[in-house]
N, C-alpha and C. Protein backbone atom coordinates (compact mmCIF):
# COMPACT_ATOMS: atom_id res chain seq x y z
N MET A 1 0.85 -1.20 0.00
CA MET A 1 0.00 0.00 0.00
C MET A 1 0.88 1.25 0.00
N ASP A 2 0.60 2.12 -0.92
CA ASP A 2 1.40 3.34 -1.03
C ASP A 2 1.02 4.32 0.06
N GLN A 3 2.02 4.90 0.68
CA GLN A 3 1.79 5.95 1.68
C GLN A 3 2.07 7.29 1.03
N LEU A 4 1.06 8.14 0.96
CA LEU A 4 1.26 9.45 0.36
C LEU A 4 1.89 10.38 1.38
N ASP A 5 2.92 11.10 0.97
CA ASP A 5 3.58 12.05 1.87
C ASP A 5 2.83 13.37 1.81
N LEU A 6 1.99 13.60 2.82
CA LEU A 6 1.12 14.77 2.81
C LEU A 6 1.47 15.77 3.90
N PHE A 7 2.61 15.59 4.56
CA PHE A 7 2.85 16.33 5.77
C PHE A 7 3.93 17.39 5.64
N GLY A 8 4.30 17.73 4.40
CA GLY A 8 5.34 18.71 4.22
C GLY A 8 4.85 20.14 4.14
N ASN A 9 3.53 20.32 4.15
CA ASN A 9 2.98 21.66 3.95
C ASN A 9 2.63 22.30 5.28
N SER A 10 2.91 23.58 5.40
CA SER A 10 2.51 24.33 6.59
C SER A 10 1.07 24.77 6.44
N GLU A 11 0.50 25.31 7.51
CA GLU A 11 -0.89 25.72 7.48
C GLU A 11 -1.12 26.85 6.48
N SER A 12 -0.07 27.61 6.15
CA SER A 12 -0.25 28.76 5.28
C SER A 12 -0.13 28.40 3.80
N GLU A 13 0.25 27.16 3.51
CA GLU A 13 0.43 26.77 2.12
C GLU A 13 -0.89 26.32 1.51
N PRO A 14 -0.96 26.23 0.15
CA PRO A 14 -2.22 25.90 -0.51
C PRO A 14 -2.72 24.52 -0.13
N GLN A 15 -3.99 24.28 -0.43
CA GLN A 15 -4.61 22.99 -0.14
C GLN A 15 -3.92 21.88 -0.91
N ASN A 16 -3.98 20.68 -0.35
CA ASN A 16 -3.43 19.48 -0.99
C ASN A 16 -4.55 18.80 -1.76
N TYR A 17 -4.54 18.98 -3.07
CA TYR A 17 -5.59 18.43 -3.93
C TYR A 17 -5.05 17.22 -4.68
N PHE A 18 -5.81 16.12 -4.68
CA PHE A 18 -5.36 14.89 -5.33
C PHE A 18 -6.45 14.34 -6.22
N GLU A 19 -6.08 13.99 -7.44
CA GLU A 19 -6.98 13.29 -8.35
C GLU A 19 -6.57 11.83 -8.40
N VAL A 20 -7.56 10.94 -8.30
CA VAL A 20 -7.34 9.51 -8.46
C VAL A 20 -8.32 9.02 -9.52
N GLN A 21 -8.14 7.79 -9.94
CA GLN A 21 -9.09 7.25 -10.92
C GLN A 21 -10.48 7.26 -10.32
N ASN A 22 -11.43 7.88 -11.02
CA ASN A 22 -12.83 7.94 -10.58
C ASN A 22 -13.02 8.67 -9.25
N GLY A 23 -12.28 9.74 -9.05
CA GLY A 23 -12.51 10.49 -7.83
C GLY A 23 -11.46 11.54 -7.55
N GLU A 24 -11.68 12.30 -6.49
CA GLU A 24 -10.74 13.34 -6.09
C GLU A 24 -10.94 13.61 -4.60
N TYR A 25 -9.89 14.13 -3.96
CA TYR A 25 -10.01 14.51 -2.56
C TYR A 25 -9.03 15.63 -2.25
N VAL A 26 -9.34 16.35 -1.18
CA VAL A 26 -8.50 17.45 -0.72
C VAL A 26 -8.17 17.17 0.74
N HIS A 27 -6.91 17.30 1.10
CA HIS A 27 -6.48 16.98 2.46
C HIS A 27 -5.74 18.16 3.07
N PHE A 28 -6.26 18.64 4.20
CA PHE A 28 -5.61 19.69 4.98
C PHE A 28 -5.15 19.05 6.29
N PRO A 29 -3.88 18.68 6.43
CA PRO A 29 -3.44 17.99 7.65
C PRO A 29 -3.60 18.83 8.91
N ASN A 30 -3.53 20.16 8.79
CA ASN A 30 -3.59 21.04 9.97
C ASN A 30 -4.64 22.13 9.77
N PHE A 31 -5.85 21.73 9.42
CA PHE A 31 -6.87 22.72 9.13
C PHE A 31 -7.20 23.56 10.36
N PHE A 32 -7.36 22.89 11.51
CA PHE A 32 -7.55 23.58 12.79
C PHE A 32 -6.23 23.53 13.56
N ASN A 33 -5.84 24.67 14.18
CA ASN A 33 -4.60 24.65 14.95
C ASN A 33 -4.81 23.84 16.24
N LYS A 34 -3.74 23.59 16.96
CA LYS A 34 -3.81 22.68 18.11
C LYS A 34 -4.77 23.19 19.18
N LYS A 35 -4.75 24.47 19.46
CA LYS A 35 -5.65 25.00 20.48
C LYS A 35 -7.11 24.81 20.08
N GLN A 36 -7.42 25.14 18.82
CA GLN A 36 -8.79 24.95 18.33
C GLN A 36 -9.19 23.48 18.41
N ALA A 37 -8.29 22.62 17.92
CA ALA A 37 -8.59 21.19 17.89
C ALA A 37 -8.77 20.63 19.30
N ASP A 38 -7.91 21.05 20.24
CA ASP A 38 -8.06 20.60 21.63
C ASP A 38 -9.40 21.02 22.21
N ASN A 39 -9.79 22.26 21.96
CA ASN A 39 -11.06 22.77 22.51
C ASN A 39 -12.26 22.04 21.92
N TYR A 40 -12.24 21.82 20.59
CA TYR A 40 -13.36 21.11 19.96
C TYR A 40 -13.42 19.66 20.44
N PHE A 41 -12.28 19.03 20.59
CA PHE A 41 -12.25 17.64 21.04
C PHE A 41 -12.91 17.50 22.40
N GLN A 42 -12.53 18.35 23.34
CA GLN A 42 -13.11 18.27 24.69
C GLN A 42 -14.60 18.60 24.68
N ALA A 43 -15.00 19.59 23.89
CA ALA A 43 -16.41 19.95 23.82
C ALA A 43 -17.24 18.81 23.25
N LEU A 44 -16.74 18.15 22.21
CA LEU A 44 -17.49 17.06 21.59
C LEU A 44 -17.56 15.84 22.49
N LEU A 45 -16.48 15.57 23.21
CA LEU A 45 -16.51 14.46 24.17
C LEU A 45 -17.63 14.66 25.19
N ASN A 46 -17.78 15.88 25.66
CA ASN A 46 -18.68 16.16 26.78
C ASN A 46 -20.10 16.51 26.39
N LYS A 47 -20.28 17.10 25.20
CA LYS A 47 -21.60 17.64 24.86
C LYS A 47 -22.40 16.78 23.89
N ILE A 48 -21.74 15.93 23.12
CA ILE A 48 -22.46 15.12 22.13
C ILE A 48 -23.20 13.98 22.83
N GLU A 49 -24.40 13.68 22.34
CA GLU A 49 -25.20 12.58 22.88
C GLU A 49 -24.79 11.28 22.20
N TRP A 50 -23.69 10.71 22.70
CA TRP A 50 -23.13 9.49 22.11
C TRP A 50 -24.04 8.29 22.39
N LYS A 51 -24.07 7.36 21.43
CA LYS A 51 -24.92 6.18 21.58
C LYS A 51 -24.19 4.95 21.04
N GLN A 52 -24.41 3.83 21.68
CA GLN A 52 -23.90 2.56 21.19
C GLN A 52 -24.96 1.93 20.28
N GLU A 53 -24.77 2.05 18.97
CA GLU A 53 -25.69 1.45 18.01
C GLU A 53 -25.31 -0.01 17.77
N SER A 54 -26.27 -0.78 17.25
CA SER A 54 -26.01 -2.18 16.92
C SER A 54 -26.73 -2.52 15.63
N MET A 55 -26.32 -3.61 15.00
CA MET A 55 -26.98 -4.07 13.79
C MET A 55 -27.20 -5.57 13.86
N ASN A 56 -28.18 -6.05 13.12
CA ASN A 56 -28.53 -7.47 13.12
C ASN A 56 -27.71 -8.20 12.05
N ILE A 57 -26.90 -9.15 12.48
CA ILE A 57 -26.12 -9.97 11.56
C ILE A 57 -26.45 -11.43 11.83
N TYR A 58 -27.07 -12.08 10.85
CA TYR A 58 -27.45 -13.50 10.97
C TYR A 58 -28.23 -13.76 12.26
N GLY A 59 -29.18 -12.86 12.56
CA GLY A 59 -30.04 -13.07 13.69
C GLY A 59 -29.49 -12.62 15.03
N LYS A 60 -28.28 -12.07 15.07
CA LYS A 60 -27.68 -11.59 16.31
C LYS A 60 -27.47 -10.08 16.26
N GLN A 61 -27.72 -9.41 17.38
CA GLN A 61 -27.45 -7.98 17.48
C GLN A 61 -25.98 -7.78 17.84
N ILE A 62 -25.27 -7.14 16.95
CA ILE A 62 -23.83 -6.91 17.13
C ILE A 62 -23.59 -5.42 17.30
N ASN A 63 -22.90 -5.06 18.37
CA ASN A 63 -22.59 -3.64 18.60
C ASN A 63 -21.60 -3.11 17.57
N PHE A 64 -21.83 -1.89 17.11
CA PHE A 64 -20.82 -1.22 16.30
C PHE A 64 -19.54 -1.07 17.15
N PRO A 65 -18.38 -1.24 16.54
CA PRO A 65 -17.12 -1.06 17.29
C PRO A 65 -16.72 0.40 17.40
N ARG A 66 -17.64 1.21 17.87
CA ARG A 66 -17.43 2.66 18.06
C ARG A 66 -18.76 3.23 18.56
N LEU A 67 -18.74 4.44 19.08
CA LEU A 67 -19.95 5.15 19.45
C LEU A 67 -20.31 6.12 18.33
N THR A 68 -21.59 6.41 18.17
CA THR A 68 -22.02 7.27 17.07
C THR A 68 -23.02 8.32 17.55
N ALA A 69 -23.22 9.34 16.71
CA ALA A 69 -24.24 10.35 16.93
C ALA A 69 -24.56 11.00 15.58
N TRP A 70 -25.79 11.44 15.42
CA TRP A 70 -26.26 12.07 14.18
C TRP A 70 -26.89 13.41 14.51
N TYR A 71 -26.35 14.47 13.91
CA TYR A 71 -26.84 15.82 14.16
C TYR A 71 -27.14 16.49 12.82
N GLY A 72 -28.07 17.46 12.84
CA GLY A 72 -28.34 18.19 11.61
C GLY A 72 -29.71 18.81 11.60
N ASP A 73 -30.12 19.19 10.40
CA ASP A 73 -31.46 19.76 10.21
C ASP A 73 -32.50 18.73 10.64
N ASN A 74 -33.60 19.17 11.24
CA ASN A 74 -34.50 18.23 11.90
C ASN A 74 -35.33 17.38 10.95
N ASP A 75 -35.26 17.62 9.66
CA ASP A 75 -36.02 16.80 8.71
C ASP A 75 -35.10 15.90 7.89
N LYS A 76 -33.88 15.59 8.40
CA LYS A 76 -32.90 14.86 7.63
C LYS A 76 -32.44 13.58 8.35
N PRO A 77 -33.31 12.54 8.46
CA PRO A 77 -32.85 11.27 9.01
C PRO A 77 -31.87 10.60 8.04
N TYR A 78 -31.14 9.61 8.55
CA TYR A 78 -30.11 8.95 7.75
C TYR A 78 -30.15 7.46 8.04
N SER A 79 -30.18 6.64 6.99
CA SER A 79 -30.25 5.19 7.14
C SER A 79 -29.00 4.52 6.59
N PHE A 80 -28.42 3.62 7.39
CA PHE A 80 -27.27 2.83 6.94
C PHE A 80 -27.16 1.61 7.84
N SER A 81 -26.59 0.54 7.32
CA SER A 81 -26.36 -0.70 8.07
C SER A 81 -27.61 -1.18 8.80
N GLY A 82 -28.77 -0.97 8.19
CA GLY A 82 -30.01 -1.46 8.76
C GLY A 82 -30.60 -0.63 9.88
N ILE A 83 -30.04 0.55 10.13
CA ILE A 83 -30.58 1.43 11.17
C ILE A 83 -30.95 2.78 10.56
N THR A 84 -31.84 3.50 11.22
CA THR A 84 -32.20 4.86 10.80
C THR A 84 -31.97 5.79 11.98
N LEU A 85 -31.21 6.85 11.74
CA LEU A 85 -30.88 7.82 12.77
C LEU A 85 -31.67 9.10 12.53
N ASN A 86 -32.32 9.60 13.59
CA ASN A 86 -32.99 10.89 13.54
C ASN A 86 -32.08 11.93 14.19
N PRO A 87 -31.94 13.10 13.58
CA PRO A 87 -30.90 14.03 14.03
C PRO A 87 -31.21 14.75 15.33
N HIS A 88 -30.17 14.93 16.13
CA HIS A 88 -30.20 15.91 17.21
C HIS A 88 -29.99 17.29 16.60
N PRO A 89 -30.46 18.35 17.25
CA PRO A 89 -30.25 19.70 16.70
C PRO A 89 -28.79 20.11 16.80
N TRP A 90 -28.36 20.92 15.85
CA TRP A 90 -27.00 21.45 15.83
C TRP A 90 -26.67 22.12 17.17
N ASN A 91 -25.43 21.93 17.64
CA ASN A 91 -24.98 22.72 18.78
C ASN A 91 -23.96 23.76 18.32
N LYS A 92 -23.50 24.59 19.23
CA LYS A 92 -22.62 25.71 18.90
C LYS A 92 -21.34 25.24 18.22
N GLU A 93 -20.70 24.23 18.78
CA GLU A 93 -19.41 23.77 18.23
C GLU A 93 -19.57 23.16 16.85
N LEU A 94 -20.61 22.37 16.65
CA LEU A 94 -20.82 21.75 15.34
C LEU A 94 -21.08 22.81 14.27
N LEU A 95 -21.85 23.83 14.62
CA LEU A 95 -22.11 24.90 13.66
C LEU A 95 -20.84 25.67 13.32
N GLU A 96 -19.99 25.91 14.33
CA GLU A 96 -18.72 26.60 14.07
C GLU A 96 -17.84 25.79 13.13
N ILE A 97 -17.73 24.50 13.40
CA ILE A 97 -16.90 23.63 12.54
C ILE A 97 -17.46 23.62 11.12
N LYS A 98 -18.78 23.46 11.01
CA LYS A 98 -19.43 23.42 9.70
C LYS A 98 -19.15 24.70 8.90
N GLU A 99 -19.31 25.84 9.55
CA GLU A 99 -19.11 27.12 8.86
C GLU A 99 -17.66 27.31 8.43
N ASN A 100 -16.73 26.74 9.18
CA ASN A 100 -15.31 26.85 8.82
C ASN A 100 -14.95 25.99 7.62
N ILE A 101 -15.55 24.83 7.50
CA ILE A 101 -15.12 23.91 6.43
C ILE A 101 -15.91 24.09 5.14
N GLU A 102 -17.09 24.70 5.21
CA GLU A 102 -17.93 24.80 4.00
C GLU A 102 -17.26 25.54 2.85
N PRO A 103 -16.52 26.64 3.08
CA PRO A 103 -15.85 27.29 1.94
C PRO A 103 -14.85 26.37 1.24
N GLU A 104 -14.17 25.53 2.00
CA GLU A 104 -13.19 24.63 1.39
C GLU A 104 -13.87 23.48 0.66
N ALA A 105 -15.01 23.04 1.17
CA ALA A 105 -15.74 21.94 0.53
C ALA A 105 -16.57 22.42 -0.66
N GLY A 106 -16.88 23.71 -0.68
CA GLY A 106 -17.67 24.26 -1.77
C GLY A 106 -19.12 23.85 -1.71
N THR A 107 -19.63 23.58 -0.52
CA THR A 107 -21.03 23.21 -0.38
C THR A 107 -21.51 23.55 1.02
N GLU A 108 -22.84 23.61 1.20
CA GLU A 108 -23.44 23.84 2.52
C GLU A 108 -24.01 22.52 3.02
N PHE A 109 -23.49 22.05 4.15
CA PHE A 109 -23.90 20.76 4.69
C PHE A 109 -25.14 20.92 5.57
N ASN A 110 -25.98 19.88 5.59
CA ASN A 110 -27.16 19.93 6.45
C ASN A 110 -27.17 18.83 7.52
N SER A 111 -26.11 18.01 7.57
CA SER A 111 -26.07 16.90 8.52
C SER A 111 -24.63 16.52 8.81
N VAL A 112 -24.42 15.86 9.96
CA VAL A 112 -23.09 15.34 10.28
C VAL A 112 -23.24 14.05 11.08
N LEU A 113 -22.46 13.04 10.69
CA LEU A 113 -22.35 11.79 11.44
C LEU A 113 -21.06 11.83 12.24
N LEU A 114 -21.17 11.60 13.55
CA LEU A 114 -20.00 11.60 14.41
C LEU A 114 -19.70 10.17 14.84
N ASN A 115 -18.42 9.79 14.79
CA ASN A 115 -17.96 8.50 15.27
C ASN A 115 -16.90 8.72 16.34
N ARG A 116 -17.04 8.02 17.45
CA ARG A 116 -16.09 8.12 18.55
C ARG A 116 -15.35 6.79 18.71
N TYR A 117 -14.05 6.83 18.41
CA TYR A 117 -13.20 5.65 18.50
C TYR A 117 -12.49 5.69 19.86
N ARG A 118 -12.89 4.79 20.77
CA ARG A 118 -12.44 4.89 22.15
C ARG A 118 -11.00 4.42 22.34
N ASP A 119 -10.56 3.51 21.48
CA ASP A 119 -9.17 3.03 21.50
C ASP A 119 -8.89 2.34 20.18
N GLY A 120 -7.76 1.63 20.07
CA GLY A 120 -7.39 1.00 18.82
C GLY A 120 -8.27 -0.15 18.40
N ASN A 121 -9.09 -0.67 19.33
CA ASN A 121 -10.01 -1.75 18.98
C ASN A 121 -11.25 -1.25 18.26
N ASP A 122 -11.55 0.03 18.40
CA ASP A 122 -12.68 0.61 17.67
C ASP A 122 -12.26 0.89 16.23
N SER A 123 -13.19 0.70 15.31
CA SER A 123 -12.84 0.79 13.89
C SER A 123 -14.11 0.99 13.07
N ILE A 124 -13.92 1.15 11.76
CA ILE A 124 -15.04 1.07 10.82
C ILE A 124 -14.53 0.32 9.60
N SER A 125 -15.28 -0.69 9.17
CA SER A 125 -14.83 -1.58 8.10
C SER A 125 -15.08 -0.96 6.72
N TRP A 126 -14.63 -1.65 5.69
CA TRP A 126 -14.75 -1.15 4.32
C TRP A 126 -16.20 -0.82 4.00
N HIS A 127 -16.42 0.39 3.47
CA HIS A 127 -17.76 0.82 3.10
C HIS A 127 -17.65 2.03 2.17
N THR A 128 -18.77 2.41 1.58
CA THR A 128 -18.87 3.66 0.83
C THR A 128 -19.95 4.52 1.47
N ASP A 129 -19.85 5.82 1.29
CA ASP A 129 -20.92 6.73 1.69
C ASP A 129 -21.71 7.07 0.43
N ALA A 130 -22.50 6.10 0.00
CA ALA A 130 -23.22 6.25 -1.27
C ALA A 130 -24.70 5.91 -1.12
N GLU A 131 -25.24 6.09 0.09
CA GLU A 131 -26.66 5.83 0.28
C GLU A 131 -27.49 6.78 -0.58
N LYS A 132 -28.71 6.34 -0.91
CA LYS A 132 -29.54 7.11 -1.84
C LYS A 132 -29.80 8.53 -1.34
N GLU A 133 -29.86 8.70 0.01
CA GLU A 133 -30.13 10.04 0.55
C GLU A 133 -29.02 11.04 0.21
N LEU A 134 -27.83 10.54 -0.13
CA LEU A 134 -26.69 11.42 -0.39
C LEU A 134 -26.61 11.88 -1.85
N GLY A 135 -27.38 11.24 -2.73
CA GLY A 135 -27.42 11.67 -4.12
C GLY A 135 -26.20 11.24 -4.92
N GLN A 136 -26.12 11.76 -6.14
CA GLN A 136 -25.03 11.42 -7.06
C GLN A 136 -23.78 12.23 -6.73
N ASN A 137 -22.63 11.56 -6.71
CA ASN A 137 -21.33 12.20 -6.46
C ASN A 137 -21.36 13.08 -5.21
N PRO A 138 -21.66 12.50 -4.04
CA PRO A 138 -21.76 13.31 -2.82
C PRO A 138 -20.41 13.88 -2.40
N ILE A 139 -20.45 15.06 -1.81
CA ILE A 139 -19.27 15.66 -1.18
C ILE A 139 -19.33 15.33 0.31
N ILE A 140 -18.29 14.68 0.80
CA ILE A 140 -18.21 14.29 2.20
C ILE A 140 -16.98 14.97 2.80
N ALA A 141 -17.17 15.71 3.89
CA ALA A 141 -16.07 16.39 4.56
C ALA A 141 -15.81 15.72 5.91
N SER A 142 -14.61 15.21 6.08
CA SER A 142 -14.23 14.47 7.29
C SER A 142 -13.30 15.31 8.14
N VAL A 143 -13.74 15.60 9.37
CA VAL A 143 -12.94 16.37 10.33
C VAL A 143 -12.52 15.44 11.46
N ASN A 144 -11.26 15.58 11.92
CA ASN A 144 -10.71 14.63 12.88
C ASN A 144 -10.09 15.34 14.07
N PHE A 145 -10.44 14.86 15.26
CA PHE A 145 -9.87 15.37 16.50
C PHE A 145 -9.44 14.20 17.37
N GLY A 146 -8.33 14.36 18.08
CA GLY A 146 -7.86 13.31 18.97
C GLY A 146 -6.73 12.51 18.34
N ALA A 147 -6.69 11.22 18.66
CA ALA A 147 -5.58 10.36 18.22
C ALA A 147 -5.52 10.25 16.70
N GLU A 148 -4.31 10.17 16.16
CA GLU A 148 -4.13 9.93 14.73
C GLU A 148 -4.55 8.50 14.40
N ARG A 149 -5.22 8.35 13.25
CA ARG A 149 -5.58 7.01 12.78
C ARG A 149 -5.32 6.90 11.29
N LYS A 150 -5.07 5.67 10.85
CA LYS A 150 -4.94 5.41 9.42
C LYS A 150 -6.32 5.45 8.78
N PHE A 151 -6.36 6.04 7.58
CA PHE A 151 -7.58 6.07 6.77
C PHE A 151 -7.20 5.47 5.43
N GLN A 152 -7.89 4.41 5.02
CA GLN A 152 -7.52 3.68 3.81
C GLN A 152 -8.64 3.74 2.78
N LEU A 153 -8.24 3.94 1.54
CA LEU A 153 -9.14 3.93 0.39
C LEU A 153 -8.77 2.77 -0.52
N LYS A 154 -9.78 2.13 -1.13
CA LYS A 154 -9.50 1.04 -2.06
C LYS A 154 -10.49 1.10 -3.22
N HIS A 155 -9.95 1.12 -4.45
CA HIS A 155 -10.80 1.16 -5.64
C HIS A 155 -11.50 -0.19 -5.79
N MET A 156 -12.80 -0.16 -6.01
CA MET A 156 -13.59 -1.38 -6.02
C MET A 156 -13.37 -2.24 -7.26
N GLU A 157 -12.83 -1.66 -8.32
CA GLU A 157 -12.60 -2.44 -9.53
C GLU A 157 -11.13 -2.80 -9.71
N THR A 158 -10.24 -1.86 -9.50
CA THR A 158 -8.82 -2.10 -9.76
C THR A 158 -8.07 -2.60 -8.52
N GLY A 159 -8.62 -2.37 -7.34
CA GLY A 159 -7.93 -2.75 -6.12
C GLY A 159 -6.85 -1.76 -5.69
N GLU A 160 -6.68 -0.67 -6.43
CA GLU A 160 -5.69 0.34 -6.05
C GLU A 160 -5.98 0.85 -4.64
N LYS A 161 -4.94 1.09 -3.85
CA LYS A 161 -5.11 1.53 -2.46
C LYS A 161 -4.36 2.83 -2.21
N VAL A 162 -4.93 3.63 -1.34
CA VAL A 162 -4.31 4.87 -0.87
C VAL A 162 -4.46 4.88 0.64
N GLU A 163 -3.42 5.30 1.34
CA GLU A 163 -3.49 5.39 2.79
C GLU A 163 -3.07 6.78 3.26
N LEU A 164 -3.88 7.37 4.13
CA LEU A 164 -3.58 8.67 4.72
C LEU A 164 -3.52 8.52 6.24
N ILE A 165 -2.78 9.39 6.89
CA ILE A 165 -2.83 9.52 8.33
C ILE A 165 -3.64 10.77 8.65
N LEU A 166 -4.77 10.57 9.32
CA LEU A 166 -5.63 11.70 9.65
C LEU A 166 -5.27 12.19 11.05
N LYS A 167 -4.76 13.41 11.10
CA LYS A 167 -4.21 13.99 12.32
C LYS A 167 -5.26 14.78 13.11
N HIS A 168 -4.90 15.11 14.31
CA HIS A 168 -5.67 15.99 15.19
C HIS A 168 -5.84 17.35 14.52
N GLY A 169 -7.09 17.72 14.19
CA GLY A 169 -7.35 18.99 13.54
C GLY A 169 -7.36 18.95 12.03
N SER A 170 -7.30 17.75 11.43
CA SER A 170 -7.23 17.65 9.97
C SER A 170 -8.62 17.69 9.34
N LEU A 171 -8.62 18.00 8.04
CA LEU A 171 -9.83 18.02 7.22
C LEU A 171 -9.55 17.26 5.94
N LEU A 172 -10.43 16.32 5.60
CA LEU A 172 -10.36 15.58 4.34
C LEU A 172 -11.70 15.75 3.63
N VAL A 173 -11.67 16.26 2.39
CA VAL A 173 -12.90 16.44 1.61
C VAL A 173 -12.86 15.48 0.43
N MET A 174 -13.84 14.57 0.38
CA MET A 174 -13.94 13.60 -0.72
C MET A 174 -14.99 14.07 -1.70
N LYS A 175 -14.63 14.04 -3.00
CA LYS A 175 -15.47 14.65 -4.03
C LYS A 175 -15.61 13.74 -5.24
N GLY A 176 -16.37 14.25 -6.23
CA GLY A 176 -16.49 13.59 -7.52
C GLY A 176 -17.14 12.21 -7.38
N GLU A 177 -16.64 11.25 -8.15
CA GLU A 177 -17.21 9.91 -8.16
C GLU A 177 -16.67 9.02 -7.06
N LEU A 178 -15.87 9.57 -6.16
CA LEU A 178 -15.11 8.76 -5.21
C LEU A 178 -15.99 7.75 -4.47
N GLN A 179 -17.15 8.18 -3.97
CA GLN A 179 -17.99 7.29 -3.17
C GLN A 179 -18.61 6.16 -3.99
N HIS A 180 -18.65 6.31 -5.31
CA HIS A 180 -19.22 5.28 -6.16
C HIS A 180 -18.19 4.25 -6.62
N PHE A 181 -16.90 4.57 -6.48
CA PHE A 181 -15.85 3.67 -6.99
C PHE A 181 -14.81 3.26 -5.93
N TRP A 182 -14.79 3.95 -4.81
CA TRP A 182 -13.79 3.67 -3.78
C TRP A 182 -14.46 3.36 -2.45
N LYS A 183 -14.01 2.28 -1.80
CA LYS A 183 -14.40 2.01 -0.42
C LYS A 183 -13.37 2.65 0.51
N HIS A 184 -13.76 2.86 1.77
CA HIS A 184 -12.79 3.37 2.73
C HIS A 184 -13.03 2.73 4.09
N GLN A 185 -11.99 2.75 4.92
CA GLN A 185 -12.10 2.18 6.26
C GLN A 185 -11.10 2.84 7.20
N VAL A 186 -11.36 2.68 8.50
CA VAL A 186 -10.41 2.99 9.56
C VAL A 186 -10.15 1.67 10.28
N PRO A 187 -9.00 1.02 10.03
CA PRO A 187 -8.78 -0.32 10.59
C PRO A 187 -8.42 -0.28 12.07
N LYS A 188 -8.60 -1.42 12.70
CA LYS A 188 -8.15 -1.58 14.08
C LYS A 188 -6.62 -1.45 14.14
N THR A 189 -6.11 -1.13 15.30
CA THR A 189 -4.66 -1.09 15.51
C THR A 189 -4.34 -1.67 16.88
N LYS A 190 -3.21 -2.37 16.96
CA LYS A 190 -2.77 -2.94 18.24
C LYS A 190 -2.01 -1.93 19.09
N LYS A 191 -1.72 -0.77 18.49
CA LYS A 191 -1.03 0.27 19.24
C LYS A 191 -1.94 0.80 20.35
N LYS A 192 -1.35 1.14 21.47
CA LYS A 192 -2.12 1.75 22.55
C LYS A 192 -2.31 3.22 22.23
N ILE A 193 -3.51 3.60 21.87
CA ILE A 193 -3.79 4.98 21.48
C ILE A 193 -5.00 5.49 22.23
N SER A 194 -5.11 6.80 22.29
CA SER A 194 -6.21 7.44 22.99
C SER A 194 -7.41 7.62 22.06
N GLU A 195 -8.42 8.33 22.55
CA GLU A 195 -9.66 8.46 21.80
C GLU A 195 -9.53 9.36 20.57
N ARG A 196 -10.39 9.11 19.60
CA ARG A 196 -10.47 9.93 18.40
C ARG A 196 -11.93 10.19 18.09
N ILE A 197 -12.24 11.41 17.67
CA ILE A 197 -13.58 11.75 17.20
C ILE A 197 -13.49 12.16 15.73
N ASN A 198 -14.32 11.54 14.92
CA ASN A 198 -14.40 11.87 13.50
C ASN A 198 -15.80 12.39 13.18
N LEU A 199 -15.86 13.48 12.43
CA LEU A 199 -17.12 14.05 11.98
C LEU A 199 -17.16 14.00 10.47
N THR A 200 -18.19 13.40 9.90
CA THR A 200 -18.34 13.41 8.45
C THR A 200 -19.60 14.21 8.10
N PHE A 201 -19.35 15.39 7.55
CA PHE A 201 -20.42 16.30 7.17
C PHE A 201 -20.96 15.89 5.80
N ARG A 202 -22.28 15.93 5.65
CA ARG A 202 -22.95 15.44 4.45
C ARG A 202 -24.10 16.36 4.05
N VAL A 203 -24.58 16.16 2.83
CA VAL A 203 -25.80 16.81 2.37
C VAL A 203 -26.81 15.70 2.11
N ILE A 204 -27.85 15.65 2.95
CA ILE A 204 -28.94 14.69 2.77
C ILE A 204 -29.97 15.34 1.86
N LYS A 205 -30.30 14.65 0.78
CA LYS A 205 -31.24 15.22 -0.20
C LYS A 205 -32.67 15.11 0.29
């Protein structure tokens, strides 16, 4: 798996834009400075209504290996993995983060899915964000606070792989056909690491 060297740019340098087969993404390793990222991380830990969701697999209820929460406009539920989430109303911190990233994403988001990875055993397996509610060629903006984690992309036809390290305060914007041709995951790790919060901002049609 190729490791892209994305960490040579300072916060004042231009965005890191990458084109891949059937998709594109923009990566800002230090979108929020450390003080901002620290403050948002603590606020989200304490203020978000985290929930342990589960899904039915072969007749058994299996807990997701992470905690989740869904926030956004009150008429925008979201369905995935056999569950439907109804949104909590936006809070101050989520609105601030949303307003900061929207100019870079080039869109106005109406919803956000939050995932809380409590340690290296928490993960999310290969999937796409291509549910019908997201429409054609959805723009997904991923904001990360807390422990660094590997983020892996894999082309569904060619098997090509890309791996990024998503840092505390980073922003990753996935665009174009990416969700229709590439799967992504955050794998488990045996390293002893602290908590991580990931926010994926979306537009629910």
